[in-house]
Amino acid sequence: MSIKFLPDIEDLVEGLGVTGIAAIVLLPLFAPAIARVARPITKAAIKRAILLYENNKGAIAEINDAWEDILVEARTELAEQPMKSAKPIE
């Protein structure tokens, strides 16, 4: 029994199919064009996210304060509850 490090070409071709093989062959040709289109779109999305964050800093801070208040109240209520002793199971 020998160990295979690479798959058989027949298995690879059968698994990928014509579409997969065409994509692998054509990817180096289309990658630069895809990168040229994707870069401005990605940069625009990042700019919008930054603007959204900047415009909503106040609301985010208020939500954070409210969340912290709720956490403090819940912890206080838990600390005030009497500890229940464990009862043995019969």
PDB file of N, CA and C in Angstrom:
ATOM      1  N   MET A   1       0.845  -1.183   0.000  1.00  0.00           N
ATOM      2  CA  MET A   1       0.000   0.000   0.000  1.00  0.00           C
ATOM      3  C   MET A   1       0.889   1.245   0.000  1.00  0.00           C
ATOM      4  N   SER A   2       0.698   2.101  -0.967  1.00  0.00           N
ATOM      5  CA  SER A   2       1.514   3.308  -1.048  1.00  0.00           C
ATOM      6  C   SER A   2       0.693   4.517  -0.615  1.00  0.00           C
ATOM      7  N   ILE A   3       1.387   5.524  -0.152  1.00  0.00           N
ATOM      8  CA  ILE A   3       0.748   6.762   0.289  1.00  0.00           C
ATOM      9  C   ILE A   3       0.683   7.722  -0.891  1.00  0.00           C
ATOM     10  N   LYS A   4      -0.503   8.294  -1.113  1.00  0.00           N
ATOM     11  CA  LYS A   4      -0.672   9.254  -2.209  1.00  0.00           C
ATOM     12  C   LYS A   4      -0.572  10.676  -1.662  1.00  0.00           C
ATOM     13  N   PHE A   5       0.302  11.454  -2.231  1.00  0.00           N
ATOM     14  CA  PHE A   5       0.428  12.851  -1.844  1.00  0.00           C
ATOM     15  C   PHE A   5      -0.398  13.758  -2.743  1.00  0.00           C
ATOM     16  N   LEU A   6      -0.584  13.358  -3.981  1.00  0.00           N
ATOM     17  CA  LEU A   6      -1.362  14.131  -4.940  1.00  0.00           C
ATOM     18  C   LEU A   6      -2.500  13.263  -5.470  1.00  0.00           C
ATOM     19  N   PRO A   7      -3.640  13.850  -5.744  1.00  0.00           N
ATOM     20  CA  PRO A   7      -4.748  13.052  -6.280  1.00  0.00           C
ATOM     21  C   PRO A   7      -4.472  12.646  -7.726  1.00  0.00           C
ATOM     22  N   ASP A   8      -5.129  11.602  -8.160  1.00  0.00           N
ATOM     23  CA  ASP A   8      -5.018  11.205  -9.554  1.00  0.00           C
ATOM     24  C   ASP A   8      -5.641  12.280 -10.426  1.00  0.00           C
ATOM     25  N   ILE A   9      -5.058  12.492 -11.593  1.00  0.00           N
ATOM     26  CA  ILE A   9      -5.569  13.505 -12.513  1.00  0.00           C
ATOM     27  C   ILE A   9      -7.003  13.174 -12.929  1.00  0.00           C
ATOM     28  N   GLU A  10      -7.284  11.887 -13.130  1.00  0.00           N
ATOM     29  CA  GLU A  10      -8.631  11.493 -13.537  1.00  0.00           C
ATOM     30  C   GLU A  10      -9.651  11.859 -12.461  1.00  0.00           C
ATOM     31  N   ASP A  11      -9.306  11.598 -11.184  1.00  0.00           N
ATOM     32  CA  ASP A  11     -10.208  11.945 -10.090  1.00  0.00           C
ATOM     33  C   ASP A  11     -10.408  13.461  -9.998  1.00  0.00           C
ATOM     34  N   LEU A  12      -9.327  14.190 -10.198  1.00  0.00           N
ATOM     35  CA  LEU A  12      -9.394  15.644 -10.128  1.00  0.00           C
ATOM     36  C   LEU A  12     -10.282  16.206 -11.235  1.00  0.00           C
ATOM     37  N   VAL A  13     -10.097  15.732 -12.461  1.00  0.00           N
ATOM     38  CA  VAL A  13     -10.879  16.197 -13.599  1.00  0.00           C
ATOM     39  C   VAL A  13     -12.346  15.840 -13.407  1.00  0.00           C
ATOM     40  N   GLU A  14     -12.609  14.633 -12.924  1.00  0.00           N
ATOM     41  CA  GLU A  14     -13.988  14.198 -12.722  1.00  0.00           C
ATOM     42  C   GLU A  14     -14.663  15.028 -11.632  1.00  0.00           C
ATOM     43  N   GLY A  15     -13.924  15.363 -10.555  1.00  0.00           N
ATOM     44  CA  GLY A  15     -14.496  16.133  -9.454  1.00  0.00           C
ATOM     45  C   GLY A  15     -14.757  17.583  -9.816  1.00  0.00           C
ATOM     46  N   LEU A  16     -13.872  18.187 -10.579  1.00  0.00           N
ATOM     47  CA  LEU A  16     -14.014  19.601 -10.926  1.00  0.00           C
ATOM     48  C   LEU A  16     -15.005  19.833 -12.058  1.00  0.00           C
ATOM     49  N   GLY A  17     -14.986  18.972 -13.019  1.00  0.00           N
ATOM     50  CA  GLY A  17     -15.838  19.156 -14.184  1.00  0.00           C
ATOM     51  C   GLY A  17     -15.266  20.217 -15.108  1.00  0.00           C
ATOM     52  N   VAL A  18     -15.946  20.429 -16.207  1.00  0.00           N
ATOM     53  CA  VAL A  18     -15.482  21.379 -17.219  1.00  0.00           C
ATOM     54  C   VAL A  18     -15.486  22.798 -16.673  1.00  0.00           C
ATOM     55  N   THR A  19     -16.509  23.153 -15.917  1.00  0.00           N
ATOM     56  CA  THR A  19     -16.614  24.512 -15.380  1.00  0.00           C
ATOM     57  C   THR A  19     -15.478  24.810 -14.416  1.00  0.00           C
ATOM     58  N   GLY A  20     -15.169  23.862 -13.536  1.00  0.00           N
ATOM     59  CA  GLY A  20     -14.092  24.066 -12.569  1.00  0.00           C
ATOM     60  C   GLY A  20     -12.741  24.205 -13.233  1.00  0.00           C
ATOM     61  N   ILE A  21     -12.501  23.365 -14.225  1.00  0.00           N
ATOM     62  CA  ILE A  21     -11.219  23.434 -14.939  1.00  0.00           C
ATOM     63  C   ILE A  21     -11.115  24.749 -15.709  1.00  0.00           C
ATOM     64  N   ALA A  22     -12.200  25.175 -16.346  1.00  0.00           N
ATOM     65  CA  ALA A  22     -12.187  26.454 -17.075  1.00  0.00           C
ATOM     66  C   ALA A  22     -11.931  27.608 -16.116  1.00  0.00           C
ATOM     67  N   ALA A  23     -12.525  27.546 -14.928  1.00  0.00           N
ATOM     68  CA  ALA A  23     -12.303  28.607 -13.942  1.00  0.00           C
ATOM     69  C   ALA A  23     -10.847  28.656 -13.514  1.00  0.00           C
ATOM     70  N   ILE A  24     -10.247  27.507 -13.286  1.00  0.00           N
ATOM     71  CA  ILE A  24      -8.828  27.465 -12.878  1.00  0.00           C
ATOM     72  C   ILE A  24      -7.930  28.009 -13.975  1.00  0.00           C
ATOM     73  N   VAL A  25      -8.219  27.664 -15.219  1.00  0.00           N
ATOM     74  CA  VAL A  25      -7.391  28.115 -16.340  1.00  0.00           C
ATOM     75  C   VAL A  25      -7.562  29.615 -16.591  1.00  0.00           C
ATOM     76  N   LEU A  26      -8.788  30.117 -16.461  1.00  0.00           N
ATOM     77  CA  LEU A  26      -9.055  31.517 -16.793  1.00  0.00           C
ATOM     78  C   LEU A  26      -8.853  32.481 -15.626  1.00  0.00           C
ATOM     79  N   LEU A  27      -8.736  31.962 -14.407  1.00  0.00           N
ATOM     80  CA  LEU A  27      -8.575  32.832 -13.238  1.00  0.00           C
ATOM     81  C   LEU A  27      -7.393  33.795 -13.360  1.00  0.00           C
ATOM     82  N   PRO A  28      -6.215  33.345 -13.769  1.00  0.00           N
ATOM     83  CA  PRO A  28      -5.101  34.304 -13.900  1.00  0.00           C
ATOM     84  C   PRO A  28      -5.380  35.421 -14.908  1.00  0.00           C
ATOM     85  N   LEU A  29      -6.228  35.157 -15.883  1.00  0.00           N
ATOM     86  CA  LEU A  29      -6.540  36.195 -16.868  1.00  0.00           C
ATOM     87  C   LEU A  29      -7.499  37.232 -16.304  1.00  0.00           C
ATOM     88  N   PHE A  30      -8.466  36.778 -15.494  1.00  0.00           N
ATOM     89  CA  PHE A  30      -9.501  37.678 -14.991  1.00  0.00           C
ATOM     90  C   PHE A  30      -9.190  38.280 -13.623  1.00  0.00           C
ATOM     91  N   ALA A  31      -8.232  37.742 -12.905  1.00  0.00           N
ATOM     92  CA  ALA A  31      -7.934  38.233 -11.554  1.00  0.00           C
ATOM     93  C   ALA A  31      -7.590  39.723 -11.530  1.00  0.00           C
ATOM     94  N   PRO A  32      -6.727  40.221 -12.417  1.00  0.00           N
ATOM     95  CA  PRO A  32      -6.431  41.664 -12.378  1.00  0.00           C
ATOM     96  C   PRO A  32      -7.662  42.537 -12.635  1.00  0.00           C
ATOM     97  N   ALA A  33      -8.510  42.120 -13.546  1.00  0.00           N
ATOM     98  CA  ALA A  33      -9.718  42.898 -13.841  1.00  0.00           C
ATOM     99  C   ALA A  33     -10.657  42.885 -12.637  1.00  0.00           C
ATOM    100  N   ILE A  34     -10.787  41.721 -12.000  1.00  0.00           N
ATOM    101  CA  ILE A  34     -11.641  41.619 -10.810  1.00  0.00           C
ATOM    102  C   ILE A  34     -11.089  42.505  -9.698  1.00  0.00           C
ATOM    103  N   ALA A  35      -9.775  42.512  -9.535  1.00  0.00           N
ATOM    104  CA  ALA A  35      -9.151  43.335  -8.495  1.00  0.00           C
ATOM    105  C   ALA A  35      -9.374  44.823  -8.767  1.00  0.00           C
ATOM    106  N   ARG A  36      -9.291  45.237 -10.030  1.00  0.00           N
ATOM    107  CA  ARG A  36      -9.504  46.650 -10.376  1.00  0.00           C
ATOM    108  C   ARG A  36     -10.929  47.083 -10.067  1.00  0.00           C
ATOM    109  N   VAL A  37     -11.891  46.199 -10.267  1.00  0.00           N
ATOM    110  CA  VAL A  37     -13.286  46.526  -9.996  1.00  0.00           C
ATOM    111  C   VAL A  37     -13.581  46.443  -8.501  1.00  0.00           C
ATOM    112  N   ALA A  38     -13.036  45.436  -7.842  1.00  0.00           N
ATOM    113  CA  ALA A  38     -13.351  45.202  -6.430  1.00  0.00           C
ATOM    114  C   ALA A  38     -12.731  46.245  -5.504  1.00  0.00           C
ATOM    115  N   ARG A  39     -11.584  46.778  -5.842  1.00  0.00           N
ATOM    116  CA  ARG A  39     -10.908  47.734  -4.958  1.00  0.00           C
ATOM    117  C   ARG A  39     -11.742  48.995  -4.696  1.00  0.00           C
ATOM    118  N   PRO A  40     -12.253  49.684  -5.715  1.00  0.00           N
ATOM    119  CA  PRO A  40     -13.064  50.876  -5.435  1.00  0.00           C
ATOM    120  C   PRO A  40     -14.356  50.547  -4.684  1.00  0.00           C
ATOM    121  N   ILE A  41     -14.949  49.393  -4.995  1.00  0.00           N
ATOM    122  CA  ILE A  41     -16.177  48.998  -4.293  1.00  0.00           C
ATOM    123  C   ILE A  41     -15.879  48.764  -2.817  1.00  0.00           C
ATOM    124  N   THR A  42     -14.788  48.077  -2.536  1.00  0.00           N
ATOM    125  CA  THR A  42     -14.405  47.811  -1.147  1.00  0.00           C
ATOM    126  C   THR A  42     -14.079  49.104  -0.415  1.00  0.00           C
ATOM    127  N   LYS A  43     -13.350  49.997  -1.085  1.00  0.00           N
ATOM    128  CA  LYS A  43     -12.992  51.267  -0.461  1.00  0.00           C
ATOM    129  C   LYS A  43     -14.239  52.106  -0.171  1.00  0.00           C
ATOM    130  N   ALA A  44     -15.194  52.109  -1.078  1.00  0.00           N
ATOM    131  CA  ALA A  44     -16.438  52.856  -0.864  1.00  0.00           C
ATOM    132  C   ALA A  44     -17.225  52.279   0.309  1.00  0.00           C
ATOM    133  N   ALA A  45     -17.245  50.963   0.431  1.00  0.00           N
ATOM    134  CA  ALA A  45     -17.958  50.331   1.546  1.00  0.00           C
ATOM    135  C   ALA A  45     -17.307  50.684   2.878  1.00  0.00           C
ATOM    136  N   ILE A  46     -15.986  50.708   2.911  1.00  0.00           N
ATOM    137  CA  ILE A  46     -15.263  51.073   4.137  1.00  0.00           C
ATOM    138  C   ILE A  46     -15.539  52.537   4.492  1.00  0.00           C
ATOM    139  N   LYS A  47     -15.536  53.428   3.489  1.00  0.00           N
ATOM    140  CA  LYS A  47     -15.826  54.844   3.737  1.00  0.00           C
ATOM    141  C   LYS A  47     -17.221  55.020   4.335  1.00  0.00           C
ATOM    142  N   ARG A  48     -18.200  54.307   3.773  1.00  0.00           N
ATOM    143  CA  ARG A  48     -19.569  54.405   4.289  1.00  0.00           C
ATOM    144  C   ARG A  48     -19.658  53.880   5.716  1.00  0.00           C
ATOM    145  N   ALA A  49     -18.945  52.807   6.007  1.00  0.00           N
ATOM    146  CA  ALA A  49     -18.954  52.262   7.369  1.00  0.00           C
ATOM    147  C   ALA A  49     -18.351  53.257   8.350  1.00  0.00           C
ATOM    148  N   ILE A  50     -17.266  53.917   7.951  1.00  0.00           N
ATOM    149  CA  ILE A  50     -16.642  54.928   8.817  1.00  0.00           C
ATOM    150  C   ILE A  50     -17.609  56.085   9.051  1.00  0.00           C
ATOM    151  N   LEU A  51     -18.246  56.573   7.990  1.00  0.00           N
ATOM    152  CA  LEU A  51     -19.206  57.666   8.135  1.00  0.00           C
ATOM    153  C   LEU A  51     -20.389  57.257   9.011  1.00  0.00           C
ATOM    154  N   LEU A  52     -20.879  56.050   8.831  1.00  0.00           N
ATOM    155  CA  LEU A  52     -21.983  55.557   9.650  1.00  0.00           C
ATOM    156  C   LEU A  52     -21.587  55.538  11.121  1.00  0.00           C
ATOM    157  N   TYR A  53     -20.387  55.064  11.391  1.00  0.00           N
ATOM    158  CA  TYR A  53     -19.903  55.029  12.774  1.00  0.00           C
ATOM    159  C   TYR A  53     -19.761  56.446  13.338  1.00  0.00           C
ATOM    160  N   GLU A  54     -19.145  57.323  12.567  1.00  0.00           N
ATOM    161  CA  GLU A  54     -18.930  58.701  13.028  1.00  0.00           C
ATOM    162  C   GLU A  54     -20.249  59.413  13.301  1.00  0.00           C
ATOM    163  N   ASN A  55     -21.232  59.204  12.433  1.00  0.00           N
ATOM    164  CA  ASN A  55     -22.524  59.873  12.595  1.00  0.00           C
ATOM    165  C   ASN A  55     -23.334  59.304  13.759  1.00  0.00           C
ATOM    166  N   ASN A  56     -23.028  58.106  14.189  1.00  0.00           N
ATOM    167  CA  ASN A  56     -23.820  57.459  15.230  1.00  0.00           C
ATOM    168  C   ASN A  56     -23.041  57.193  16.510  1.00  0.00           C
ATOM    169  N   LYS A  57     -21.933  57.895  16.696  1.00  0.00           N
ATOM    170  CA  LYS A  57     -21.136  57.708  17.908  1.00  0.00           C
ATOM    171  C   LYS A  57     -21.962  57.958  19.175  1.00  0.00           C
ATOM    172  N   GLY A  58     -22.762  59.006  19.174  1.00  0.00           N
ATOM    173  CA  GLY A  58     -23.569  59.353  20.338  1.00  0.00           C
ATOM    174  C   GLY A  58     -24.559  58.255  20.683  1.00  0.00           C
ATOM    175  N   ALA A  59     -25.245  57.746  19.674  1.00  0.00           N
ATOM    176  CA  ALA A  59     -26.218  56.674  19.909  1.00  0.00           C
ATOM    177  C   ALA A  59     -25.520  55.416  20.410  1.00  0.00           C
ATOM    178  N   ILE A  60     -24.364  55.116  19.857  1.00  0.00           N
ATOM    179  CA  ILE A  60     -23.608  53.941  20.293  1.00  0.00           C
ATOM    180  C   ILE A  60     -23.188  54.104  21.749  1.00  0.00           C
ATOM    181  N   ALA A  61     -22.753  55.295  22.120  1.00  0.00           N
ATOM    182  CA  ALA A  61     -22.345  55.543  23.511  1.00  0.00           C
ATOM    183  C   ALA A  61     -23.535  55.397  24.457  1.00  0.00           C
ATOM    184  N   GLU A  62     -24.707  55.898  24.051  1.00  0.00           N
ATOM    185  CA  GLU A  62     -25.904  55.760  24.889  1.00  0.00           C
ATOM    186  C   GLU A  62     -26.299  54.298  25.068  1.00  0.00           C
ATOM    187  N   ILE A  63     -26.240  53.540  24.004  1.00  0.00           N
ATOM    188  CA  ILE A  63     -26.565  52.110  24.088  1.00  0.00           C
ATOM    189  C   ILE A  63     -25.574  51.408  25.006  1.00  0.00           C
ATOM    190  N   ASN A  64     -24.305  51.762  24.899  1.00  0.00           N
ATOM    191  CA  ASN A  64     -23.275  51.167  25.754  1.00  0.00           C
ATOM    192  C   ASN A  64     -23.534  51.502  27.222  1.00  0.00           C
ATOM    193  N   ASP A  65     -23.878  52.758  27.515  1.00  0.00           N
ATOM    194  CA  ASP A  65     -24.171  53.161  28.891  1.00  0.00           C
ATOM    195  C   ASP A  65     -25.386  52.408  29.433  1.00  0.00           C
ATOM    196  N   ALA A  66     -26.425  52.298  28.634  1.00  0.00           N
ATOM    197  CA  ALA A  66     -27.627  51.589  29.065  1.00  0.00           C
ATOM    198  C   ALA A  66     -27.305  50.115  29.338  1.00  0.00           C
ATOM    199  N   TRP A  67     -26.521  49.506  28.488  1.00  0.00           N
ATOM    200  CA  TRP A  67     -26.132  48.109  28.660  1.00  0.00           C
ATOM    201  C   TRP A  67     -25.335  47.922  29.950  1.00  0.00           C
ATOM    202  N   GLU A  68     -24.404  48.831  30.203  1.00  0.00           N
ATOM    203  CA  GLU A  68     -23.613  48.735  31.436  1.00  0.00           C
ATOM    204  C   GLU A  68     -24.500  48.901  32.666  1.00  0.00           C
ATOM    205  N   ASP A  69     -25.482  49.821  32.618  1.00  0.00           N
ATOM    206  CA  ASP A  69     -26.416  49.998  33.733  1.00  0.00           C
ATOM    207  C   ASP A  69     -27.213  48.724  33.996  1.00  0.00           C
ATOM    208  N   ILE A  70     -27.680  48.085  32.929  1.00  0.00           N
ATOM    209  CA  ILE A  70     -28.446  46.844  33.074  1.00  0.00           C
ATOM    210  C   ILE A  70     -27.577  45.755  33.697  1.00  0.00           C
ATOM    211  N   LEU A  71     -26.333  45.659  33.256  1.00  0.00           N
ATOM    212  CA  LEU A  71     -25.424  44.659  33.820  1.00  0.00           C
ATOM    213  C   LEU A  71     -25.182  44.898  35.314  1.00  0.00           C
ATOM    214  N   VAL A  72     -24.976  46.148  35.705  1.00  0.00           N
ATOM    215  CA  VAL A  72     -24.750  46.472  37.115  1.00  0.00           C
ATOM    216  C   VAL A  72     -25.986  46.118  37.933  1.00  0.00           C
ATOM    217  N   GLU A  73     -27.168  46.467  37.444  1.00  0.00           N
ATOM    218  CA  GLU A  73     -28.403  46.143  38.162  1.00  0.00           C
ATOM    219  C   GLU A  73     -28.575  44.629  38.319  1.00  0.00           C
ATOM    220  N   ALA A  74     -28.316  43.885  37.262  1.00  0.00           N
ATOM    221  CA  ALA A  74     -28.464  42.433  37.325  1.00  0.00           C
ATOM    222  C   ALA A  74     -27.471  41.820  38.311  1.00  0.00           C
ATOM    223  N   ARG A  75     -26.237  42.293  38.301  1.00  0.00           N
ATOM    224  CA  ARG A  75     -25.233  41.768  39.239  1.00  0.00           C
ATOM    225  C   ARG A  75     -25.606  42.120  40.678  1.00  0.00           C
ATOM    226  N   THR A  76     -26.136  43.320  40.885  1.00  0.00           N
ATOM    227  CA  THR A  76     -26.557  43.731  42.231  1.00  0.00           C
ATOM    228  C   THR A  76     -27.686  42.850  42.730  1.00  0.00           C
ATOM    229  N   GLU A  77     -28.669  42.591  41.865  1.00  0.00           N
ATOM    230  CA  GLU A  77     -29.788  41.737  42.255  1.00  0.00           C
ATOM    231  C   GLU A  77     -29.316  40.317  42.570  1.00  0.00           C
ATOM    232  N   LEU A  78     -28.378  39.823  41.797  1.00  0.00           N
ATOM    233  CA  LEU A  78     -27.842  38.489  42.078  1.00  0.00           C
ATOM    234  C   LEU A  78     -27.109  38.454  43.411  1.00  0.00           C
ATOM    235  N   ALA A  79     -26.372  39.500  43.724  1.00  0.00           N
ATOM    236  CA  ALA A  79     -25.617  39.548  44.972  1.00  0.00           C
ATOM    237  C   ALA A  79     -26.551  39.658  46.181  1.00  0.00           C
ATOM    238  N   GLU A  80     -27.723  40.287  46.024  1.00  0.00           N
ATOM    239  CA  GLU A  80     -28.664  40.470  47.125  1.00  0.00           C
ATOM    240  C   GLU A  80     -29.478  39.206  47.409  1.00  0.00           C
ATOM    241  N   GLN A  81     -29.596  38.319  46.449  1.00  0.00           N
ATOM    242  CA  GLN A  81     -30.376  37.113  46.656  1.00  0.00           C
ATOM    243  C   GLN A  81     -29.667  36.212  47.673  1.00  0.00           C
ATOM    244  N   PRO A  82     -30.429  35.628  48.594  1.00  0.00           N
ATOM    245  CA  PRO A  82     -29.788  34.730  49.564  1.00  0.00           C
ATOM    246  C   PRO A  82     -29.292  33.476  48.852  1.00  0.00           C
ATOM    247  N   MET A  83     -28.180  32.990  49.335  1.00  0.00           N
ATOM    248  CA  MET A  83     -27.618  31.770  48.763  1.00  0.00           C
ATOM    249  C   MET A  83     -28.464  30.596  49.209  1.00  0.00           C
ATOM    250  N   LYS A  84     -28.869  29.750  48.298  1.00  0.00           N
ATOM    251  CA  LYS A  84     -29.640  28.571  48.626  1.00  0.00           C
ATOM    252  C   LYS A  84     -28.662  27.424  48.870  1.00  0.00           C
ATOM    253  N   SER A  85     -28.867  26.719  49.960  1.00  0.00           N
ATOM    254  CA  SER A  85     -27.977  25.603  50.245  1.00  0.00           C
ATOM    255  C   SER A  85     -28.373  24.419  49.384  1.00  0.00           C
ATOM    256  N   ALA A  86     -27.406  23.645  49.064  1.00  0.00           N
ATOM    257  CA  ALA A  86     -27.665  22.484  48.226  1.00  0.00           C
ATOM    258  C   ALA A  86     -28.384  21.421  49.038  1.00  0.00           C
ATOM    259  N   LYS A  87     -29.438  20.876  48.478  1.00  0.00           N
ATOM    260  CA  LYS A  87     -30.178  19.821  49.146  1.00  0.00           C
ATOM    261  C   LYS A  87     -29.763  18.493  48.552  1.00  0.00           C
ATOM    262  N   PRO A  88     -29.524  17.494  49.394  1.00  0.00           N
ATOM    263  CA  PRO A  88     -29.133  16.199  48.859  1.00  0.00           C
ATOM    264  C   PRO A  88     -30.296  15.523  48.115  1.00  0.00           C
ATOM    265  N   ILE A  89     -29.941  14.827  47.080  1.00  0.00           N
ATOM    266  CA  ILE A  89     -30.943  14.102  46.311  1.00  0.00           C
ATOM    267  C   ILE A  89     -31.112  12.725  46.933  1.00  0.00           C
ATOM    268  N   GLU A  90     -32.350  12.344  47.156  1.00  0.00           N
ATOM    269  CA  GLU A  90     -32.594  11.040  47.788  1.00  0.00           C
ATOM    270  C   GLU A  90     -32.661   9.945  46.761  1.00  0.00           C
TER     271      GLU A  90
END
